[in-house]
């Protein structure tokens, strides 16, 4: 996928050079006058106190959207699942309901685990879970 994306971007850039036009114009031009960005929290410590500190710092810098990453997979069982839910709850409590919390799992879960996480996380209103599963359904047993 990364190779396809790289080739796609290179071809768009080449087309822009041929037509002497910025790529955003080739894609239809601007559709809004501002875009709200999110911050990626990959690599940050996930202890609740650290999550509170980092997330508040990002919020104070103006980021309403924050994307966080999990460290517990189905092999950690229900204990790992609950630690992933603690991260979601900690973020929601630290940021309030006006913030949007996003998550990425790098396809490390199976479908059963992702569905169980979604059911438990729903009260905390996560904005999205990216690349949640790529494993074989039925691997997770709570």
C-alpha atoms as a PDB file:
ATOM      1  CA  UNK A   1       0.000   0.000   0.000  1.00  0.00           C
ATOM      2  CA  UNK A   2       2.843   2.384   0.768  1.00  0.00           C
ATOM      3  CA  UNK A   3       4.389   1.726  -2.654  1.00  0.00           C
ATOM      4  CA  UNK A   4       1.049   2.361  -4.383  1.00  0.00           C
ATOM      5  CA  UNK A   5       0.594   5.561  -2.390  1.00  0.00           C
ATOM      6  CA  UNK A   6       4.115   6.703  -3.246  1.00  0.00           C
ATOM      7  CA  UNK A   7       3.541   6.041  -6.942  1.00  0.00           C
ATOM      8  CA  UNK A   8       0.142   7.785  -6.834  1.00  0.00           C
ATOM      9  CA  UNK A   9       1.675  10.891  -5.233  1.00  0.00           C
ATOM     10  CA  UNK A  10       4.579  10.904  -7.709  1.00  0.00           C
ATOM     11  CA  UNK A  11       2.195  10.695 -10.679  1.00  0.00           C
ATOM     12  CA  UNK A  12       0.043  13.524  -9.317  1.00  0.00           C
ATOM     13  CA  UNK A  13       3.153  15.633  -8.759  1.00  0.00           C
ATOM     14  CA  UNK A  14       4.323  14.898 -12.316  1.00  0.00           C
ATOM     15  CA  UNK A  15       0.905  15.852 -13.721  1.00  0.00           C
ATOM     16  CA  UNK A  16       1.050  19.115 -11.769  1.00  0.00           C
ATOM     17  CA  UNK A  17       4.462  19.874 -13.254  1.00  0.00           C
ATOM     18  CA  UNK A  18       3.250  19.069 -16.791  1.00  0.00           C
ATOM     19  CA  UNK A  19       0.254  21.388 -16.464  1.00  0.00           C
ATOM     20  CA  UNK A  20       2.169  23.940 -14.334  1.00  0.00           C
ATOM     21  CA  UNK A  21      -0.533  23.715 -11.690  1.00  0.00           C
ATOM     22  CA  UNK A  22      -0.503  22.844  -7.971  1.00  0.00           C
ATOM     23  CA  UNK A  23      -1.849  19.367  -7.217  1.00  0.00           C
ATOM     24  CA  UNK A  24      -4.655  20.723  -5.035  1.00  0.00           C
ATOM     25  CA  UNK A  25      -6.005  22.524  -8.122  1.00  0.00           C
ATOM     26  CA  UNK A  26      -5.849  19.283 -10.130  1.00  0.00           C
ATOM     27  CA  UNK A  27      -7.926  17.665  -7.395  1.00  0.00           C
ATOM     28  CA  UNK A  28     -10.672  20.266  -7.691  1.00  0.00           C
ATOM     29  CA  UNK A  29      -9.272  23.266  -5.853  1.00  0.00           C
ATOM     30  CA  UNK A  30      -9.941  24.378  -2.298  1.00  0.00           C
ATOM     31  CA  UNK A  31     -13.232  23.307  -0.755  1.00  0.00           C
ATOM     32  CA  UNK A  32     -12.793  25.171   2.529  1.00  0.00           C
ATOM     33  CA  UNK A  33     -10.693  27.986   3.892  1.00  0.00           C
ATOM     34  CA  UNK A  34      -9.236  26.044   6.820  1.00  0.00           C
ATOM     35  CA  UNK A  35      -8.577  22.445   7.799  1.00  0.00           C
ATOM     36  CA  UNK A  36      -8.477  21.225  11.365  1.00  0.00           C
ATOM     37  CA  UNK A  37      -5.486  18.945  11.935  1.00  0.00           C
ATOM     38  CA  UNK A  38      -4.955  16.230  14.506  1.00  0.00           C
ATOM     39  CA  UNK A  39      -1.838  15.413  16.445  1.00  0.00           C
ATOM     40  CA  UNK A  40      -0.371  11.927  16.452  1.00  0.00           C
ATOM     41  CA  UNK A  41       0.598  10.663  19.871  1.00  0.00           C
ATOM     42  CA  UNK A  42       2.626   7.680  18.646  1.00  0.00           C
ATOM     43  CA  UNK A  43       5.432   6.900  21.036  1.00  0.00           C
ATOM     44  CA  UNK A  44       3.999   8.686  24.063  1.00  0.00           C
ATOM     45  CA  UNK A  45       3.823   6.882  27.357  1.00  0.00           C
ATOM     46  CA  UNK A  46       0.425   5.436  28.205  1.00  0.00           C
ATOM     47  CA  UNK A  47       0.406   5.553  31.995  1.00  0.00           C
ATOM     48  CA  UNK A  48      -2.764   7.467  32.972  1.00  0.00           C
ATOM     49  CA  UNK A  49      -0.891  10.402  34.557  1.00  0.00           C
ATOM     50  CA  UNK A  50       1.329  10.768  31.479  1.00  0.00           C
ATOM     51  CA  UNK A  51      -1.688  10.515  29.144  1.00  0.00           C
ATOM     52  CA  UNK A  52      -3.444  13.266  31.082  1.00  0.00           C
ATOM     53  CA  UNK A  53      -0.362  15.485  30.929  1.00  0.00           C
ATOM     54  CA  UNK A  54       0.376  14.947  27.233  1.00  0.00           C
ATOM     55  CA  UNK A  55      -3.248  15.186  26.099  1.00  0.00           C
ATOM     56  CA  UNK A  56      -3.808  18.397  28.059  1.00  0.00           C
ATOM     57  CA  UNK A  57      -0.640  19.837  26.538  1.00  0.00           C
ATOM     58  CA  UNK A  58      -1.830  19.051  23.015  1.00  0.00           C
ATOM     59  CA  UNK A  59      -5.271  20.474  23.790  1.00  0.00           C
ATOM     60  CA  UNK A  60      -3.637  23.650  25.105  1.00  0.00           C
ATOM     61  CA  UNK A  61      -1.687  23.911  21.815  1.00  0.00           C
ATOM     62  CA  UNK A  62      -5.034  23.984  20.005  1.00  0.00           C
ATOM     63  CA  UNK A  63      -5.444  20.364  18.939  1.00  0.00           C
ATOM     64  CA  UNK A  64      -9.080  19.334  19.300  1.00  0.00           C
ATOM     65  CA  UNK A  65      -8.322  15.981  17.587  1.00  0.00           C
ATOM     66  CA  UNK A  66      -5.741  13.589  19.060  1.00  0.00           C
ATOM     67  CA  UNK A  67      -4.792  10.152  17.701  1.00  0.00           C
ATOM     68  CA  UNK A  68      -3.458   7.636  20.203  1.00  0.00           C
ATOM     69  CA  UNK A  69      -2.068   4.122  19.771  1.00  0.00           C
ATOM     70  CA  UNK A  70      -2.689   0.970  21.778  1.00  0.00           C
ATOM     71  CA  UNK A  71      -0.060  -1.375  23.160  1.00  0.00           C
ATOM     72  CA  UNK A  72      -2.262  -4.332  24.156  1.00  0.00           C
ATOM     73  CA  UNK A  73      -3.338  -6.935  21.633  1.00  0.00           C
ATOM     74  CA  UNK A  74      -5.639  -9.970  21.868  1.00  0.00           C
ATOM     75  CA  UNK A  75      -2.824 -12.103  23.287  1.00  0.00           C
ATOM     76  CA  UNK A  76      -3.014  -9.955  26.465  1.00  0.00           C
ATOM     77  CA  UNK A  77      -6.575 -11.240  27.009  1.00  0.00           C
ATOM     78  CA  UNK A  78      -9.236  -9.335  28.895  1.00  0.00           C
ATOM     79  CA  UNK A  79      -6.594  -7.659  31.109  1.00  0.00           C
ATOM     80  CA  UNK A  80      -5.029  -6.019  28.047  1.00  0.00           C
ATOM     81  CA  UNK A  81      -8.447  -5.134  26.666  1.00  0.00           C
ATOM     82  CA  UNK A  82      -9.327  -3.325  29.884  1.00  0.00           C
ATOM     83  CA  UNK A  83      -5.990  -1.457  29.808  1.00  0.00           C
ATOM     84  CA  UNK A  84      -6.934  -0.244  26.315  1.00  0.00           C
ATOM     85  CA  UNK A  85     -10.285   0.908  27.690  1.00  0.00           C
ATOM     86  CA  UNK A  86      -8.502   2.716  30.552  1.00  0.00           C
ATOM     87  CA  UNK A  87      -6.632   4.724  27.897  1.00  0.00           C
ATOM     88  CA  UNK A  88      -9.915   5.708  26.224  1.00  0.00           C
ATOM     89  CA  UNK A  89     -11.558   6.623  29.543  1.00  0.00           C
ATOM     90  CA  UNK A  90      -8.509   8.577  30.735  1.00  0.00           C
ATOM     91  CA  UNK A  91      -8.458  10.637  27.539  1.00  0.00           C
ATOM     92  CA  UNK A  92     -12.167  11.390  27.676  1.00  0.00           C
ATOM     93  CA  UNK A  93     -11.951  12.414  31.337  1.00  0.00           C
ATOM     94  CA  UNK A  94      -8.867  14.572  30.691  1.00  0.00           C
ATOM     95  CA  UNK A  95     -10.169  16.257  27.545  1.00  0.00           C
ATOM     96  CA  UNK A  96     -13.915  16.462  28.106  1.00  0.00           C
ATOM     97  CA  UNK A  97     -16.585  15.881  25.484  1.00  0.00           C
ATOM     98  CA  UNK A  98     -15.530  18.745  23.183  1.00  0.00           C
ATOM     99  CA  UNK A  99     -12.317  16.971  22.144  1.00  0.00           C
ATOM    100  CA  UNK A 100     -12.192  14.178  19.580  1.00  0.00           C
ATOM    101  CA  UNK A 101     -10.139  11.114  20.453  1.00  0.00           C
ATOM    102  CA  UNK A 102      -8.902   8.895  17.625  1.00  0.00           C
ATOM    103  CA  UNK A 103      -7.152   5.539  17.831  1.00  0.00           C
ATOM    104  CA  UNK A 104      -4.903   3.412  15.620  1.00  0.00           C
ATOM    105  CA  UNK A 105      -4.073  -0.256  16.108  1.00  0.00           C
ATOM    106  CA  UNK A 106      -1.918  -1.075  13.047  1.00  0.00           C
ATOM    107  CA  UNK A 107      -4.097  -4.117  12.243  1.00  0.00           C
ATOM    108  CA  UNK A 108      -2.992  -5.889  15.428  1.00  0.00           C
ATOM    109  CA  UNK A 109      -6.418  -7.040  16.579  1.00  0.00           C
ATOM    110  CA  UNK A 110      -8.798  -9.680  15.306  1.00  0.00           C
ATOM    111  CA  UNK A 111     -12.416  -8.844  14.533  1.00  0.00           C
ATOM    112  CA  UNK A 112     -13.779 -10.256  17.814  1.00  0.00           C
ATOM    113  CA  UNK A 113     -11.371  -8.152  19.873  1.00  0.00           C
ATOM    114  CA  UNK A 114     -12.140  -5.008  17.837  1.00  0.00           C
ATOM    115  CA  UNK A 115     -15.883  -5.509  18.327  1.00  0.00           C
ATOM    116  CA  UNK A 116     -15.469  -6.068  22.071  1.00  0.00           C
ATOM    117  CA  UNK A 117     -13.292  -2.935  22.334  1.00  0.00           C
ATOM    118  CA  UNK A 118     -15.885  -0.919  20.378  1.00  0.00           C
ATOM    119  CA  UNK A 119     -18.688  -2.066  22.677  1.00  0.00           C
ATOM    120  CA  UNK A 120     -16.738  -1.129  25.829  1.00  0.00           C
ATOM    121  CA  UNK A 121     -15.393   2.137  24.369  1.00  0.00           C
ATOM    122  CA  UNK A 122     -18.733   3.391  23.040  1.00  0.00           C
ATOM    123  CA  UNK A 123     -19.703   5.380  26.187  1.00  0.00           C
ATOM    124  CA  UNK A 124     -16.494   7.421  25.765  1.00  0.00           C
ATOM    125  CA  UNK A 125     -17.411   8.401  22.188  1.00  0.00           C
ATOM    126  CA  UNK A 126     -14.190   7.690  20.277  1.00  0.00           C
ATOM    127  CA  UNK A 127     -14.135   9.503  16.933  1.00  0.00           C
ATOM    128  CA  UNK A 128     -12.571   6.581  15.054  1.00  0.00           C
ATOM    129  CA  UNK A 129     -10.450   3.444  15.286  1.00  0.00           C
ATOM    130  CA  UNK A 130      -8.040   3.122  12.378  1.00  0.00           C
ATOM    131  CA  UNK A 131      -6.737  -0.212  11.060  1.00  0.00           C
ATOM    132  CA  UNK A 132      -8.333  -2.033  13.976  1.00  0.00           C
ATOM    133  CA  UNK A 133      -8.113  -5.605  12.759  1.00  0.00           C
ATOM    134  CA  UNK A 134      -6.212  -7.775  10.379  1.00  0.00           C
ATOM    135  CA  UNK A 135      -6.131 -10.982  12.368  1.00  0.00           C
ATOM    136  CA  UNK A 136      -8.270 -14.076  12.040  1.00  0.00           C
ATOM    137  CA  UNK A 137     -11.718 -13.816  13.723  1.00  0.00           C
ATOM    138  CA  UNK A 138     -11.990 -15.949  16.813  1.00  0.00           C
ATOM    139  CA  UNK A 139      -8.447 -15.493  18.129  1.00  0.00           C
ATOM    140  CA  UNK A 140      -9.569 -13.345  21.059  1.00  0.00           C
ATOM    141  CA  UNK A 141     -11.127 -15.015  24.049  1.00  0.00           C
ATOM    142  CA  UNK A 142     -12.048 -12.668  26.902  1.00  0.00           C
END
